[in-house]
Protein backbone atom coordinates (compact mmCIF):
# COMPACT_ATOMS: atom_id res chain seq x y z
CA MET A 1 0.00 -0.01 0.00
CA THR A 2 1.37 3.40 -0.91
CA GLU A 3 0.31 6.96 -0.64
CA ILE A 4 1.37 10.33 -1.97
CA THR A 5 1.49 13.34 0.31
CA HIS A 6 1.85 16.96 -0.67
CA ASP A 7 3.51 18.88 2.14
CA VAL A 8 3.04 22.37 0.64
CA PRO A 9 -0.17 23.40 -1.17
CA HIS A 10 0.60 24.40 -4.75
CA PRO A 11 -0.85 27.54 -6.32
CA ALA A 12 -3.71 27.15 -8.77
CA ASN A 13 -2.74 26.49 -12.37
CA HIS A 14 -5.58 28.62 -13.72
CA LYS A 15 -6.27 32.26 -13.00
CA ARG A 16 -7.70 35.30 -14.73
CA GLY A 17 -4.44 37.22 -14.92
CA MET A 18 -6.27 40.55 -15.21
CA SER A 19 -4.89 43.66 -13.51
CA VAL A 20 -5.26 47.40 -13.22
CA ILE A 21 -4.15 47.63 -16.88
CA SER A 22 -7.49 46.09 -17.86
CA LEU A 23 -9.34 48.81 -15.95
CA LEU A 24 -7.24 51.49 -17.64
CA VAL A 25 -7.96 50.03 -21.06
CA PHE A 26 -11.67 49.82 -20.29
CA GLY A 27 -11.82 53.40 -19.04
CA LEU A 28 -9.74 54.77 -21.88
CA VAL A 29 -11.69 53.08 -24.66
CA SER A 30 -15.19 53.69 -23.28
CA GLY A 31 -14.31 57.26 -22.29
CA THR A 32 -12.80 58.05 -25.67
CA VAL A 33 -15.84 56.73 -27.52
CA ALA A 34 -18.27 58.63 -25.27
CA ALA A 35 -16.25 61.85 -25.56
CA ALA A 36 -16.14 61.52 -29.36
CA ALA A 37 -19.92 60.97 -29.49
CA LEU A 38 -20.52 64.05 -27.38
CA ALA A 39 -18.17 66.11 -29.49
CA ALA A 40 -19.93 65.00 -32.63
CA GLY A 41 -23.24 66.31 -31.29
CA LEU A 42 -25.19 63.12 -31.93
CA ALA A 43 -28.83 62.78 -31.10
CA ARG A 44 -29.73 61.45 -27.66
CA GLU A 45 -30.81 58.02 -28.84
CA LEU A 46 -27.75 57.64 -31.06
CA LEU A 47 -25.52 58.96 -28.29
CA ILE A 48 -26.80 56.24 -25.96
CA VAL A 49 -26.18 53.55 -28.57
CA VAL A 50 -22.65 54.80 -29.31
CA THR A 51 -21.81 55.12 -25.61
CA GLY A 52 -23.08 51.58 -24.96
CA GLY A 53 -21.04 50.34 -27.90
CA GLY A 54 -17.96 52.08 -26.47
CA ILE A 55 -18.54 50.45 -23.11
CA ALA A 56 -18.84 47.03 -24.78
CA LEU A 57 -15.73 47.67 -26.83
CA GLY A 58 -13.87 48.74 -23.71
CA ALA A 59 -14.93 45.61 -21.85
CA PHE A 60 -13.87 43.46 -24.81
CA LEU A 61 -10.46 45.08 -25.14
CA SER A 62 -9.88 44.99 -21.37
CA LEU A 63 -9.58 41.20 -21.73
CA SER A 64 -6.49 41.65 -23.87
CA PRO A 65 -3.84 42.78 -21.33
CA ARG A 66 -2.67 40.09 -18.88
CA VAL A 67 0.01 40.11 -16.20
CA ALA A 68 2.14 37.12 -15.21
CA SER A 69 4.21 37.05 -12.04
CA GLN A 70 7.98 36.65 -12.19
CA TRP A 71 7.74 32.88 -11.56
CA GLU A 72 4.82 32.24 -13.94
CA ARG A 73 4.55 31.32 -17.60
CA ALA A 74 1.21 31.42 -19.43
CA VAL A 75 0.51 28.78 -22.10
CA VAL A 76 -1.50 30.47 -24.90
CA LEU A 77 -3.59 28.63 -27.48
CA ARG A 78 -5.16 30.37 -30.51
CA LEU A 79 -8.17 28.49 -31.83
CA GLY A 80 -6.85 25.41 -30.06
CA LYS A 81 -3.30 25.63 -31.42
CA PHE A 82 -0.27 26.46 -29.31
CA VAL A 83 1.13 29.88 -30.15
CA GLY A 84 3.69 30.37 -27.38
CA LEU A 85 4.49 31.09 -23.78
CA ARG A 86 3.85 34.51 -22.27
CA GLY A 87 5.33 36.16 -19.23
CA PRO A 88 6.67 37.26 -16.90
CA GLY A 89 5.19 40.76 -16.77
CA LEU A 90 2.61 42.39 -19.04
CA PHE A 91 1.52 40.69 -22.26
CA TRP A 92 -1.40 40.92 -24.68
CA ILE A 93 -3.70 38.36 -26.18
CA ILE A 94 -6.55 38.51 -28.72
CA PRO A 95 -9.80 38.11 -26.82
CA LEU A 96 -12.02 35.20 -27.90
CA LEU A 97 -9.34 33.89 -30.24
CA ASP A 98 -6.58 33.35 -27.71
CA GLU A 99 -7.01 31.27 -24.60
CA ILE A 100 -4.63 30.84 -21.64
CA VAL A 101 -5.11 27.20 -20.78
CA VAL A 102 -2.65 26.93 -17.89
CA TRP A 103 -0.29 28.99 -15.80
CA ILE A 104 3.02 27.20 -15.11
CA ASP A 105 4.93 27.84 -11.89
CA VAL A 106 8.64 27.58 -12.69
CA ARG A 107 9.88 27.81 -9.10
CA VAL A 108 11.44 24.86 -7.25
CA ARG A 109 8.58 22.84 -5.79
CA THR A 110 8.30 19.98 -3.28
CA THR A 111 6.36 16.75 -3.38
CA GLY A 112 6.25 14.40 -0.45
CA PHE A 113 5.82 10.67 -1.19
CA ALA A 114 5.97 7.43 0.74
CA ALA A 115 6.28 3.66 0.33
CA GLU A 116 4.60 1.52 2.97
CA ARG A 117 5.63 -2.07 3.78
CA THR A 118 7.95 -2.37 0.82
CA LEU A 119 10.40 -5.30 0.87
CA THR A 120 14.11 -4.62 0.73
CA ARG A 121 16.51 -6.93 -1.11
CA ASP A 122 16.95 -8.96 2.11
CA THR A 123 13.12 -9.26 2.45
CA VAL A 124 12.59 -6.82 5.30
CA PRO A 125 9.34 -4.77 5.15
CA VAL A 126 10.04 -1.07 5.65
CA ASN A 127 8.08 2.19 5.54
CA VAL A 128 9.99 5.01 3.84
CA ASP A 129 9.07 8.70 3.65
CA ALA A 130 10.86 11.00 1.24
CA VAL A 131 10.56 14.45 -0.31
CA LEU A 132 11.27 15.44 -3.90
CA PHE A 133 12.51 18.87 -5.00
CA TRP A 134 11.76 19.54 -8.66
CA GLN A 135 11.32 22.37 -11.13
CA VAL A 136 9.65 22.90 -14.51
CA ALA A 137 12.46 23.54 -16.95
CA ASP A 138 10.41 23.46 -20.17
CA ALA A 139 6.92 24.83 -19.60
CA GLU A 140 5.78 23.98 -23.15
CA ARG A 141 6.53 20.26 -22.82
CA ALA A 142 5.15 20.11 -19.28
CA ALA A 143 1.87 21.71 -20.32
CA LEU A 144 1.34 20.05 -23.70
CA GLY A 145 2.84 16.64 -23.05
CA LEU A 146 1.09 15.77 -19.77
CA GLU A 147 -2.45 16.06 -18.55
CA ASP A 148 -1.25 16.66 -14.97
CA TYR A 149 2.51 17.01 -14.65
CA GLU A 150 2.38 17.33 -10.83
CA GLU A 151 0.68 13.96 -10.46
CA ALA A 152 3.04 12.41 -13.03
CA VAL A 153 6.06 13.58 -11.07
CA ALA A 154 4.61 12.24 -7.82
CA TRP A 155 3.89 8.82 -9.27
CA ALA A 156 7.34 8.65 -10.92
CA ALA A 157 8.98 9.46 -7.62
CA GLN A 158 6.93 6.83 -5.78
CA THR A 159 7.73 4.15 -8.33
CA ALA A 160 11.43 4.99 -8.23
CA LEU A 161 11.39 4.79 -4.42
CA ARG A 162 9.90 1.33 -4.44
CA GLU A 163 12.35 0.20 -7.11
CA ILE A 164 15.36 1.50 -5.16
CA ILE A 165 14.15 -0.10 -1.93
CA GLY A 166 13.80 -3.50 -3.66
CA LYS A 167 17.43 -3.29 -4.81
CA THR A 168 18.93 -2.24 -1.49
CA ASP A 169 19.70 -4.19 1.71
CA LEU A 170 18.36 -2.84 4.99
CA ALA A 171 21.83 -2.17 6.42
CA ASP A 172 22.82 -0.14 3.36
CA MET A 173 19.54 1.78 3.51
CA LEU A 174 20.04 2.74 7.16
CA ALA A 175 23.73 3.61 6.79
CA GLY A 176 23.93 5.13 3.32
CA ARG A 177 20.99 7.44 2.79
CA ASP A 178 23.11 9.79 0.71
CA VAL A 179 23.72 7.02 -1.84
CA LEU A 180 19.99 6.25 -1.97
CA ASP A 181 19.15 9.92 -2.41
CA ALA A 182 21.55 10.21 -5.34
CA SER A 183 20.28 7.00 -6.94
CA MET A 184 16.65 8.11 -6.69
CA GLN A 185 17.42 11.57 -8.02
CA LYS A 186 19.15 10.09 -11.08
CA LEU A 187 16.33 7.62 -11.73
CA ILE A 188 13.47 10.14 -11.36
CA ASP A 189 15.35 12.77 -13.37
CA GLU A 190 15.79 10.35 -16.27
CA ARG A 191 12.04 9.78 -16.37
CA ALA A 192 10.94 13.37 -15.81
CA ARG A 193 13.41 15.08 -18.15
CA ALA A 194 11.34 14.00 -21.16
CA TRP A 195 8.40 15.92 -19.62
CA GLY A 196 10.41 19.16 -19.33
CA ILE A 197 10.93 18.72 -15.58
CA THR A 198 14.25 18.76 -13.73
CA VAL A 199 14.76 16.99 -10.42
CA LYS A 200 16.88 19.08 -8.04
CA SER A 201 17.25 16.61 -5.19
CA VAL A 202 15.61 13.79 -3.30
CA GLU A 203 15.83 13.41 0.49
CA ILE A 204 14.72 10.44 2.55
CA ARG A 205 13.10 11.72 5.70
CA ASP A 206 12.47 8.53 7.66
CA VAL A 207 12.90 4.75 7.45
CA VAL A 208 10.66 2.76 9.77
CA ILE A 209 11.40 -0.94 10.38
CA PRO A 210 9.34 -3.53 12.33
CA GLN A 211 9.58 -3.19 16.11
CA GLY A 212 10.80 -6.77 16.60
CA LEU A 213 13.64 -6.27 14.16
CA GLU A 214 14.51 -2.95 15.77
CA ASP A 215 14.80 -4.67 19.19
CA ALA A 216 16.96 -7.45 17.73
CA MET A 217 19.28 -4.92 16.11
CA SER A 218 19.56 -3.04 19.38
CA ARG A 219 20.52 -6.24 21.25
CA ARG A 220 23.06 -7.09 18.55
CA ALA A 221 24.62 -3.65 18.76
CA GLN A 222 24.84 -3.94 22.56
CA ALA A 223 26.49 -7.37 22.26
CA GLU A 224 29.00 -5.94 19.75
CA ARG A 225 29.90 -3.16 22.18
CA GLU A 226 30.37 -5.62 25.05
CA LYS A 227 32.55 -7.79 22.86
CA GLN A 228 34.67 -4.83 21.87
CA ALA A 229 35.03 -3.76 25.51
CA ARG A 230 36.25 -7.24 26.48
CA VAL A 231 38.72 -7.35 23.60
CA ILE A 232 40.12 -3.96 24.66
CA LEU A 233 40.41 -5.19 28.27
CA GLY A 234 42.22 -8.33 27.13
CA ASP A 235 44.65 -6.29 25.05
CA ALA A 236 45.34 -4.10 28.08
CA GLU A 237 46.03 -7.16 30.25
CA VAL A 238 48.48 -8.52 27.65
CA GLU A 239 50.26 -5.14 27.46
CA ILE A 240 50.46 -4.95 31.26
CA ALA A 241 51.88 -8.49 31.42
CA HIS A 242 54.59 -7.55 28.90
CA LYS A 243 55.49 -4.48 30.98
CA PHE A 244 55.70 -6.59 34.16
CA ALA A 245 57.89 -9.13 32.39
CA ALA A 246 60.24 -6.39 31.22
CA ALA A 247 60.40 -4.89 34.73
CA ALA A 248 61.09 -8.30 36.27
CA SER A 249 63.95 -8.81 33.82
CA ILE A 250 65.49 -5.48 34.85
CA TYR A 251 65.09 -6.16 38.61
CA HIS A 252 66.59 -9.68 38.15
CA SER A 253 69.72 -8.30 36.60
CA ASP A 254 70.03 -5.22 38.86
CA PRO A 255 69.53 -5.93 42.64
CA ILE A 256 70.06 -2.27 43.51
CA ALA A 257 67.11 -1.26 41.32
CA LEU A 258 64.97 -3.91 43.03
CA GLN A 259 66.02 -2.60 46.45
CA LEU A 260 65.15 0.99 45.49
CA ARG A 261 61.77 -0.14 44.22
CA SER A 262 61.15 -2.02 47.48
CA LEU A 263 62.05 1.07 49.53
CA ASN A 264 59.73 3.17 47.38
CA LEU A 265 56.88 0.73 47.98
CA LEU A 266 57.61 0.77 51.71
CA TYR A 267 57.64 4.57 51.73
CA GLU A 268 54.40 4.79 49.81
CA GLY A 269 52.77 2.42 52.28
CA MET A 270 54.06 4.12 55.47
CA LYS A 271 53.74 7.81 54.63
CA GLU A 272 50.15 7.87 55.88
CA ARG A 273 49.71 8.30 59.64
CA GLY A 274 48.51 5.33 61.59
CA THR A 275 49.67 2.86 58.93
CA LEU A 276 50.85 -0.53 60.08
CA MET A 277 52.79 -2.53 57.53
CA ILE A 278 53.85 -6.15 57.90
CA ILE A 279 56.61 -7.35 55.61
CA PRO A 280 58.40 -10.68 55.39
CA SER A 281 61.66 -10.92 57.36
CA THR A 282 63.58 -11.97 54.22
CA MET A 283 62.42 -8.81 52.47
CA ALA A 284 63.35 -6.69 55.44
CA ASP A 285 66.83 -8.24 55.55
CA SER A 286 67.34 -7.72 51.81
CA MET A 287 66.38 -4.08 52.07
CA GLY A 288 68.10 -3.41 55.38
CA ALA A 289 64.72 -2.25 56.56
CA ALA A 290 65.55 -2.95 60.24
CA SER A 291 68.37 -0.39 60.15
CA TYR A 292 66.14 2.17 58.44
CA ALA A 293 63.35 1.56 60.94
CA GLY A 294 65.77 1.91 63.87
CA LEU A 295 67.12 5.18 62.53
CA ALA A 296 63.58 6.45 62.06
CA ALA A 297 62.67 5.52 65.66
CA TYR A 298 65.85 7.12 67.03
CA ALA A 299 65.15 10.32 65.09
CA ALA A 300 61.63 10.41 66.53
CA GLN A 301 62.98 10.06 70.09
CA GLN A 302 65.45 12.89 69.58
CA GLN A 303 62.78 15.39 68.59
CA PRO A 304 62.07 17.85 71.49
CA ARG A 305 58.81 17.33 73.28
CA PRO A 306 56.40 20.26 73.57
CA ALA A 307 56.58 22.14 76.89
CA LEU A 308 53.85 21.46 79.38
CA PRO A 309 51.80 24.29 80.93
CA SER A 310 53.08 25.66 84.26
CA GLY A 311 50.36 23.95 86.24
CA ASP A 312 51.09 20.44 84.89
CA LYS A 313 53.83 18.15 86.12
């Protein structure tokens, strides 16, 4: 099931096209005829007839001037045969002989279209919404070659969308919308160019997939992230092991470096107040820790004690 949506209402293709110029022509013609009849001194009955004829002539000629906006082109037929495009601005036609059958808007226009429950190449039903930006490049071909060029463009866009979806996998559709936009623009433009219409761009607005598939894809993405996190953690463990192996090799060949590292660890552990550290006797002997501890205790005893207040003993 598909549907076509028009996001922006289009202006009417038919209008009168009359302006203040028509009023000026009407007033000028009817006024000139009436003034000439008065100047000629015609009888009252004849004056009325001539004045009425002047008014009718003015009304007839007021249909001749037409005005087209800057973005409009008027398609003119004379006795049913195409005689040309008119506009923009002021132009003239022959009343009763010439007919403006349609006014063409040559601005860039938008057409929204959708494809519902269309199968991708990997048989996944999707709902896709898109918008088409197009412009009438040849008003003559658009007006004379098609009954309704707006509807033709909309159906061509919809058909191209369904065709592109059927040739594309779901993963490519979700990840590469730019590629889909370019493919649809090329396909629609090839079809519409023969109608005098140029496709400016196509943009996919939304791709809706079934809820169950969306949940499965979410779980898969989460599992992929957990896997990647564990791989990174394993690589870190391997790197740490290599660093420890290199450090052990250095300490094995240099006892002084090992002793300095041991003293550093002991210092780091005992620099906080109230810290009690228990170390193996072999480690203490290798570091000479007993001597260092004795020196530290002796230095503490030699520090002067604070004086007591005069009332204390």
